C-alpha atoms as a PDB file:
ATOM      1  CA  MET A   1      66.062 134.989 110.901  1.00  0.00           C
ATOM      2  CA  ALA A   2      64.012 132.200 109.335  1.00  0.00           C
ATOM      3  CA  GLY A   3      65.355 131.270 105.913  1.00  0.00           C
ATOM      4  CA  HIS A   4      68.464 133.428 105.975  1.00  0.00           C
ATOM      5  CA  PHE A   5      71.648 133.970 107.957  1.00  0.00           C
ATOM      6  CA  GLU A   6      72.077 136.983 110.202  1.00  0.00           C
ATOM      7  CA  ALA A   7      75.314 138.328 111.624  1.00  0.00           C
ATOM      8  CA  ARG A   8      76.067 137.765 115.308  1.00  0.00           C
ATOM      9  CA  PRO A   9      77.622 140.400 117.565  1.00  0.00           C
ATOM     10  CA  GLY A  10      81.333 139.700 117.740  1.00  0.00           C
ATOM     11  CA  GLY A  11      81.400 137.587 114.587  1.00  0.00           C
ATOM     12  CA  GLY A  12      79.768 134.489 113.207  1.00  0.00           C
ATOM     13  CA  ALA A  13      76.262 133.939 111.918  1.00  0.00           C
ATOM     14  CA  ALA A  14      72.943 132.347 112.885  1.00  0.00           C
ATOM     15  CA  VAL A  15      69.998 130.901 110.982  1.00  0.00           C
ATOM     16  CA  ALA A  16      66.729 129.294 112.047  1.00  0.00           C
ATOM     17  CA  LEU A  17      66.181 125.887 110.453  1.00  0.00           C
ATOM     18  CA  ASP A  18      63.183 123.624 110.827  1.00  0.00           C
ATOM     19  CA  GLU A  19      63.369 119.847 110.928  1.00  0.00           C
ATOM     20  CA  VAL A  20      62.751 119.415 107.193  1.00  0.00           C
ATOM     21  CA  GLU A  21      65.394 121.987 106.252  1.00  0.00           C
ATOM     22  CA  ILE A  22      67.931 120.287 108.513  1.00  0.00           C
ATOM     23  CA  SER A  23      67.162 116.926 106.885  1.00  0.00           C
ATOM     24  CA  ILE A  24      67.509 118.330 103.351  1.00  0.00           C
ATOM     25  CA  LEU A  25      70.775 120.134 104.087  1.00  0.00           C
ATOM     26  CA  ARG A  26      72.250 117.069 105.782  1.00  0.00           C
ATOM     27  CA  SER A  27      71.227 114.798 102.908  1.00  0.00           C
ATOM     28  CA  LEU A  28      72.759 117.153 100.350  1.00  0.00           C
ATOM     29  CA  ALA A  29      76.010 117.460 102.327  1.00  0.00           C
ATOM     30  CA  VAL A  30      76.275 113.669 102.663  1.00  0.00           C
ATOM     31  CA  GLN A  31      75.696 113.257  98.923  1.00  0.00           C
ATOM     32  CA  LEU A  32      78.412 115.836  98.305  1.00  0.00           C
ATOM     33  CA  LEU A  33      80.791 113.815 100.473  1.00  0.00           C
ATOM     34  CA  GLU A  34      79.968 110.701  98.463  1.00  0.00           C
ATOM     35  CA  LEU A  35      80.566 112.577  95.210  1.00  0.00           C
ATOM     36  CA  ILE A  36      83.931 113.961  96.320  1.00  0.00           C
ATOM     37  CA  GLY A  37      84.999 110.553  97.593  1.00  0.00           C
ATOM     38  CA  PRO A  38      86.599 109.291 100.792  1.00  0.00           C
ATOM     39  CA  GLY A  39      90.142 110.299  99.892  1.00  0.00           C
ATOM     40  CA  ASP A  40      93.233 108.142  99.757  1.00  0.00           C
ATOM     41  CA  GLU A  41      94.266 106.731 103.129  1.00  0.00           C
ATOM     42  CA  PRO A  42      97.912 105.691 103.592  1.00  0.00           C
ATOM     43  CA  ALA A  43      98.365 101.953 103.051  1.00  0.00           C
ATOM     44  CA  GLN A  44      99.378  99.859 106.034  1.00  0.00           C
ATOM     45  CA  GLY A  45     103.018 100.527 106.817  1.00  0.00           C
ATOM     46  CA  GLU A  46     103.183 103.502 104.431  1.00  0.00           C
ATOM     47  CA  ASP A  47     104.764 106.714 105.665  1.00  0.00           C
ATOM     48  CA  PRO A  48     101.855 109.173 106.348  1.00  0.00           C
ATOM     49  CA  LEU A  49     104.125 112.121 105.492  1.00  0.00           C
ATOM     50  CA  ALA A  50     104.961 110.632 102.107  1.00  0.00           C
ATOM     51  CA  ALA A  51     101.273 109.966 101.488  1.00  0.00           C
ATOM     52  CA  LEU A  52     100.534 113.596 102.302  1.00  0.00           C
ATOM     53  CA  PHE A  53     102.701 114.707  99.389  1.00  0.00           C
ATOM     54  CA  ALA A  54     101.496 112.029  96.990  1.00  0.00           C
ATOM     55  CA  GLU A  55     100.662 113.299  93.533  1.00  0.00           C
ATOM     56  CA  GLY A  56      97.037 113.517  92.482  1.00  0.00           C
ATOM     57  CA  PRO A  57      95.384 113.003  89.086  1.00  0.00           C
ATOM     58  CA  SER A  58      96.509 114.987  86.079  1.00  0.00           C
ATOM     59  CA  GLU A  59      93.289 114.633  84.068  1.00  0.00           C
ATOM     60  CA  PRO A  60      89.990 116.381  84.906  1.00  0.00           C
ATOM     61  CA  PRO A  61      87.223 114.197  86.390  1.00  0.00           C
ATOM     62  CA  ALA A  62      84.765 112.487  84.041  1.00  0.00           C
ATOM     63  CA  ASP A  63      81.718 113.559  86.074  1.00  0.00           C
ATOM     64  CA  PRO A  64      80.540 117.035  84.940  1.00  0.00           C
ATOM     65  CA  ALA A  65      79.730 118.002  88.541  1.00  0.00           C
ATOM     66  CA  LEU A  66      83.227 117.106  89.692  1.00  0.00           C
ATOM     67  CA  ARG A  67      84.655 119.108  86.802  1.00  0.00           C
ATOM     68  CA  ARG A  68      82.754 122.097  88.217  1.00  0.00           C
ATOM     69  CA  LEU A  69      84.202 121.461  91.664  1.00  0.00           C
ATOM     70  CA  PHE A  70      87.722 120.810  90.371  1.00  0.00           C
ATOM     71  CA  PRO A  71      88.089 122.868  87.179  1.00  0.00           C
ATOM     72  CA  ASP A  72      91.256 123.218  85.138  1.00  0.00           C
ATOM     73  CA  ALA A  73      93.411 126.081  86.357  1.00  0.00           C
ATOM     74  CA  TYR A  74      94.313 127.089  82.807  1.00  0.00           C
ATOM     75  CA  GLY A  75      92.750 126.928  79.392  1.00  0.00           C
ATOM     76  CA  ASN A  76      93.309 124.109  76.927  1.00  0.00           C
ATOM     77  CA  ASP A  77      93.950 126.150  73.806  1.00  0.00           C
ATOM     78  CA  THR A  78      97.546 125.010  73.453  1.00  0.00           C
ATOM     79  CA  ASP A  79      99.643 122.010  74.429  1.00  0.00           C
ATOM     80  CA  GLU A  80     101.571 124.249  76.824  1.00  0.00           C
ATOM     81  CA  LEU A  81      98.425 125.355  78.660  1.00  0.00           C
ATOM     82  CA  ARG A  82      97.082 121.797  78.800  1.00  0.00           C
ATOM     83  CA  GLN A  83     100.357 120.616  80.320  1.00  0.00           C
ATOM     84  CA  ALA A  84     100.350 123.477  82.834  1.00  0.00           C
ATOM     85  CA  ALA A  85      96.775 122.606  83.861  1.00  0.00           C
ATOM     86  CA  ALA A  86      97.701 118.934  84.249  1.00  0.00           C
ATOM     87  CA  ASP A  87     100.720 119.787  86.409  1.00  0.00           C
ATOM     88  CA  PHE A  88      98.721 122.173  88.577  1.00  0.00           C
ATOM     89  CA  ARG A  89      95.958 119.568  89.079  1.00  0.00           C
ATOM     90  CA  ARG A  90      98.444 116.841  89.952  1.00  0.00           C
ATOM     91  CA  PHE A  91      99.908 118.858  92.819  1.00  0.00           C
ATOM     92  CA  THR A  92      96.738 120.546  94.152  1.00  0.00           C
ATOM     93  CA  GLU A  93      93.643 118.394  93.617  1.00  0.00           C
ATOM     94  CA  ASN A  94      94.226 116.023  96.544  1.00  0.00           C
ATOM     95  CA  ASP A  95      94.516 118.941  98.951  1.00  0.00           C
ATOM     96  CA  LEU A  96      91.452 120.651  97.487  1.00  0.00           C
ATOM     97  CA  ARG A  97      89.399 117.462  97.807  1.00  0.00           C
ATOM     98  CA  ALA A  98      90.492 117.073 101.426  1.00  0.00           C
ATOM     99  CA  ARG A  99      89.482 120.663 102.184  1.00  0.00           C
ATOM    100  CA  LYS A 100      86.055 120.222 100.591  1.00  0.00           C
ATOM    101  CA  ARG A 101      85.512 116.991 102.538  1.00  0.00           C
ATOM    102  CA  GLN A 102      86.485 118.745 105.764  1.00  0.00           C
ATOM    103  CA  ASP A 103      84.009 121.566 105.129  1.00  0.00           C
ATOM    104  CA  ALA A 104      81.166 119.189 104.240  1.00  0.00           C
ATOM    105  CA  LEU A 105      81.853 117.080 107.327  1.00  0.00           C
ATOM    106  CA  ALA A 106      81.726 120.221 109.478  1.00  0.00           C
ATOM    107  CA  VAL A 107      78.290 121.007 108.006  1.00  0.00           C
ATOM    108  CA  VAL A 108      76.997 117.491 108.697  1.00  0.00           C
ATOM    109  CA  ARG A 109      78.288 117.538 112.265  1.00  0.00           C
ATOM    110  CA  SER A 110      76.785 120.941 113.041  1.00  0.00           C
ATOM    111  CA  LEU A 111      73.415 119.784 111.673  1.00  0.00           C
ATOM    112  CA  ASP A 112      73.596 116.580 113.710  1.00  0.00           C
ATOM    113  CA  GLU A 113      74.330 118.639 116.792  1.00  0.00           C
ATOM    114  CA  LEU A 114      71.407 120.907 116.055  1.00  0.00           C
ATOM    115  CA  SER A 115      69.085 117.901 115.664  1.00  0.00           C
ATOM    116  CA  SER A 116      70.235 116.299 118.896  1.00  0.00           C
ATOM    117  CA  SER A 117      69.998 119.567 120.808  1.00  0.00           C
ATOM    118  CA  GLY A 118      66.491 120.168 119.517  1.00  0.00           C
ATOM    119  CA  ALA A 119      65.446 116.646 120.464  1.00  0.00           C
ATOM    120  CA  SER A 120      66.828 116.954 123.975  1.00  0.00           C
ATOM    121  CA  GLY A 121      65.595 120.499 124.512  1.00  0.00           C
ATOM    122  CA  ALA A 122      69.061 121.722 125.434  1.00  0.00           C
ATOM    123  CA  SER A 123      71.553 123.983 123.763  1.00  0.00           C
ATOM    124  CA  GLY A 124      75.193 123.154 123.242  1.00  0.00           C
ATOM    125  CA  ALA A 125      78.341 123.853 121.273  1.00  0.00           C
ATOM    126  CA  SER A 126      80.511 121.721 119.073  1.00  0.00           C
ATOM    127  CA  GLY A 127      83.943 120.813 120.333  1.00  0.00           C
ATOM    128  CA  ASP A 128      85.707 123.030 117.804  1.00  0.00           C
ATOM    129  CA  GLY A 129      83.575 126.065 118.581  1.00  0.00           C
ATOM    130  CA  ALA A 130      82.200 126.111 115.040  1.00  0.00           C
ATOM    131  CA  ALA A 131      78.529 125.879 115.914  1.00  0.00           C
ATOM    132  CA  GLU A 132      76.027 126.159 118.703  1.00  0.00           C
ATOM    133  CA  ALA A 133      72.417 125.018 118.715  1.00  0.00           C
ATOM    134  CA  GLU A 134      69.507 126.759 120.393  1.00  0.00           C
ATOM    135  CA  ASP A 135      65.830 125.798 120.485  1.00  0.00           C
ATOM    136  CA  GLN A 136      63.455 127.858 118.400  1.00  0.00           C
ATOM    137  CA  ASP A 137      60.911 129.680 120.505  1.00  0.00           C
ATOM    138  CA  GLY A 138      57.697 127.742 120.335  1.00  0.00           C
ATOM    139  CA  GLY A 139      58.854 125.662 117.367  1.00  0.00           C
ATOM    140  CA  GLU A 140      58.515 121.929 116.876  1.00  0.00           C
ATOM    141  CA  GLY A 141      61.788 120.392 115.799  1.00  0.00           C
ATOM    142  CA  GLY A 142      64.681 122.292 114.338  1.00  0.00           C
ATOM    143  CA  GLY A 143      66.401 125.136 116.064  1.00  0.00           C
ATOM    144  CA  ILE A 144      68.757 128.041 115.591  1.00  0.00           C
ATOM    145  CA  LEU A 145      72.125 127.126 114.136  1.00  0.00           C
ATOM    146  CA  THR A 146      74.798 129.484 115.399  1.00  0.00           C
ATOM    147  CA  LEU A 147      78.171 129.491 113.680  1.00  0.00           C
ATOM    148  CA  ALA A 148      81.498 130.869 114.801  1.00  0.00           C
ATOM    149  CA  PRO A 149      83.562 132.547 112.032  1.00  0.00           C
ATOM    150  CA  GLU A 150      85.444 129.341 111.163  1.00  0.00           C
ATOM    151  CA  GLY A 151      82.151 127.480 110.958  1.00  0.00           C
ATOM    152  CA  SER A 152      80.747 130.172 108.672  1.00  0.00           C
ATOM    153  CA  ARG A 153      83.628 129.688 106.254  1.00  0.00           C
ATOM    154  CA  ALA A 154      83.117 125.917 106.167  1.00  0.00           C
ATOM    155  CA  TRP A 155      79.403 126.375 105.518  1.00  0.00           C
ATOM    156  CA  LEU A 156      80.062 128.936 102.802  1.00  0.00           C
ATOM    157  CA  GLY A 157      82.416 126.570 101.003  1.00  0.00           C
ATOM    158  CA  THR A 158      79.948 123.696 101.151  1.00  0.00           C
ATOM    159  CA  LEU A 159      76.958 125.804 100.091  1.00  0.00           C
ATOM    160  CA  ASN A 160      78.955 126.941  97.072  1.00  0.00           C
ATOM    161  CA  ASP A 161      79.953 123.356  96.239  1.00  0.00           C
ATOM    162  CA  LEU A 162      76.344 122.193  96.524  1.00  0.00           C
ATOM    163  CA  ARG A 163      75.121 124.925  94.187  1.00  0.00           C
ATOM    164  CA  LEU A 164      77.844 124.128  91.652  1.00  0.00           C
ATOM    165  CA  THR A 165      76.905 120.459  91.775  1.00  0.00           C
ATOM    166  CA  ILE A 166      73.186 121.110  91.349  1.00  0.00           C
ATOM    167  CA  ALA A 167      73.888 123.636  88.572  1.00  0.00           C
ATOM    168  CA  SER A 168      75.810 120.926  86.759  1.00  0.00           C
ATOM    169  CA  ARG A 169      72.939 118.453  87.101  1.00  0.00           C
ATOM    170  CA  LEU A 170      70.507 121.123  85.835  1.00  0.00           C
ATOM    171  CA  GLU A 171      72.971 122.055  83.054  1.00  0.00           C
ATOM    172  CA  ILE A 172      73.082 125.697  84.155  1.00  0.00           C
ATOM    173  CA  THR A 173      76.100 127.457  82.695  1.00  0.00           C
ATOM    174  CA  ALA A 174      75.037 131.125  82.633  1.00  0.00           C
ATOM    175  CA  ASP A 175      72.977 133.585  84.672  1.00  0.00           C
ATOM    176  CA  GLU A 176      70.406 133.740  81.890  1.00  0.00           C
ATOM    177  CA  GLU A 177      69.754 130.016  82.202  1.00  0.00           C
ATOM    178  CA  SER A 178      69.429 130.401  85.961  1.00  0.00           C
ATOM    179  CA  GLU A 179      66.709 133.028  85.481  1.00  0.00           C
ATOM    180  CA  LEU A 180      64.661 130.571  83.401  1.00  0.00           C
ATOM    181  CA  LEU A 181      64.387 128.270  86.395  1.00  0.00           C
ATOM    182  CA  TYR A 182      61.985 130.655  88.099  1.00  0.00           C
ATOM    183  CA  ARG A 183      59.444 130.014  85.343  1.00  0.00           C
ATOM    184  CA  LEU A 184      59.472 126.221  85.406  1.00  0.00           C
ATOM    185  CA  PRO A 185      55.983 124.706  85.899  1.00  0.00           C
ATOM    186  CA  ASP A 186      55.363 122.656  89.019  1.00  0.00           C
ATOM    187  CA  SER A 187      54.940 119.566  86.812  1.00  0.00           C
ATOM    188  CA  ASP A 188      58.550 119.776  85.615  1.00  0.00           C
ATOM    189  CA  PRO A 189      60.577 116.940  87.227  1.00  0.00           C
ATOM    190  CA  ARG A 190      63.462 119.365  87.770  1.00  0.00           C
ATOM    191  CA  LYS A 191      61.356 121.586  90.024  1.00  0.00           C
ATOM    192  CA  PRO A 192      62.465 120.106  93.410  1.00  0.00           C
ATOM    193  CA  MET A 193      66.125 120.408  92.442  1.00  0.00           C
ATOM    194  CA  VAL A 194      65.531 123.950  91.223  1.00  0.00           C
ATOM    195  CA  MET A 195      63.890 124.912  94.508  1.00  0.00           C
ATOM    196  CA  ALA A 196      66.874 123.499  96.405  1.00  0.00           C
ATOM    197  CA  TYR A 197      69.249 125.420  94.132  1.00  0.00           C
ATOM    198  CA  LEU A 198      67.455 128.716  94.716  1.00  0.00           C
ATOM    199  CA  TRP A 199      67.133 128.127  98.468  1.00  0.00           C
ATOM    200  CA  LEU A 200      70.834 127.323  98.797  1.00  0.00           C
ATOM    201  CA  GLY A 201      71.569 130.505  96.855  1.00  0.00           C
ATOM    202  CA  GLY A 202      69.645 132.568  99.394  1.00  0.00           C
ATOM    203  CA  LEU A 203      71.506 130.946 102.274  1.00  0.00           C
ATOM    204  CA  GLN A 204      74.839 131.496 100.556  1.00  0.00           C
ATOM    205  CA  GLU A 205      74.122 135.142  99.774  1.00  0.00           C
ATOM    206  CA  THR A 206      73.056 136.028 103.311  1.00  0.00           C
ATOM    207  CA  LEU A 207      76.002 134.124 104.803  1.00  0.00           C
ATOM    208  CA  VAL A 208      78.391 136.126 102.623  1.00  0.00           C
ATOM    209  CA  GLU A 209      76.722 139.301 103.932  1.00  0.00           C
ATOM    210  CA  THR A 210      77.383 138.261 107.534  1.00  0.00           C
ATOM    211  CA  LEU A 211      81.062 137.699 106.778  1.00  0.00           C
ATOM    212  CA  MET A 212      81.297 141.171 105.274  1.00  0.00           C
ATOM    213  CA  ALA A 213      79.440 142.875 108.127  1.00  0.00           C
END
């Protein structure tokens, strides 16, 4: 189980994570939350229902990573397509940002629960049934993260968002460029980010396999 997700009987998935892996995943998820932003809270006295249907931005984000996370729905070859993409973004981006924040928060909370359970030597479950934490046999720190199906979907979304973000920072736009990363020398300053990118890819791939099992 170490290093990859395995399917659980009855649904869900489990993966063994050590203390360092938990710390890295939590740090990345928190950075993703900071990148996405806190979201727009209703102003004091503002109708929450009206705020829910507030229009979002019509232009793509300036940050290349955010453009990967929130791409245009249509091409920009013509004025008509550019207008359609702007309209689609205006009415969908706020909801998409909220969903990505929710998924990333679920990842952070499940990792925090795993850390606290490992520290106390007890196993437990999150209030929403998305994750359970179990001690690793004979391990120091870390534990086994066990996800219910809804937790698996949140993790899958966040793993994908993290890989898209890192790919943007590494300027990866095609599979061929991704293959070149395997041959980077250890002295290359991009190496740690590359290793995280490849590791997240392995987690994502095995989690997808559990959902299809």
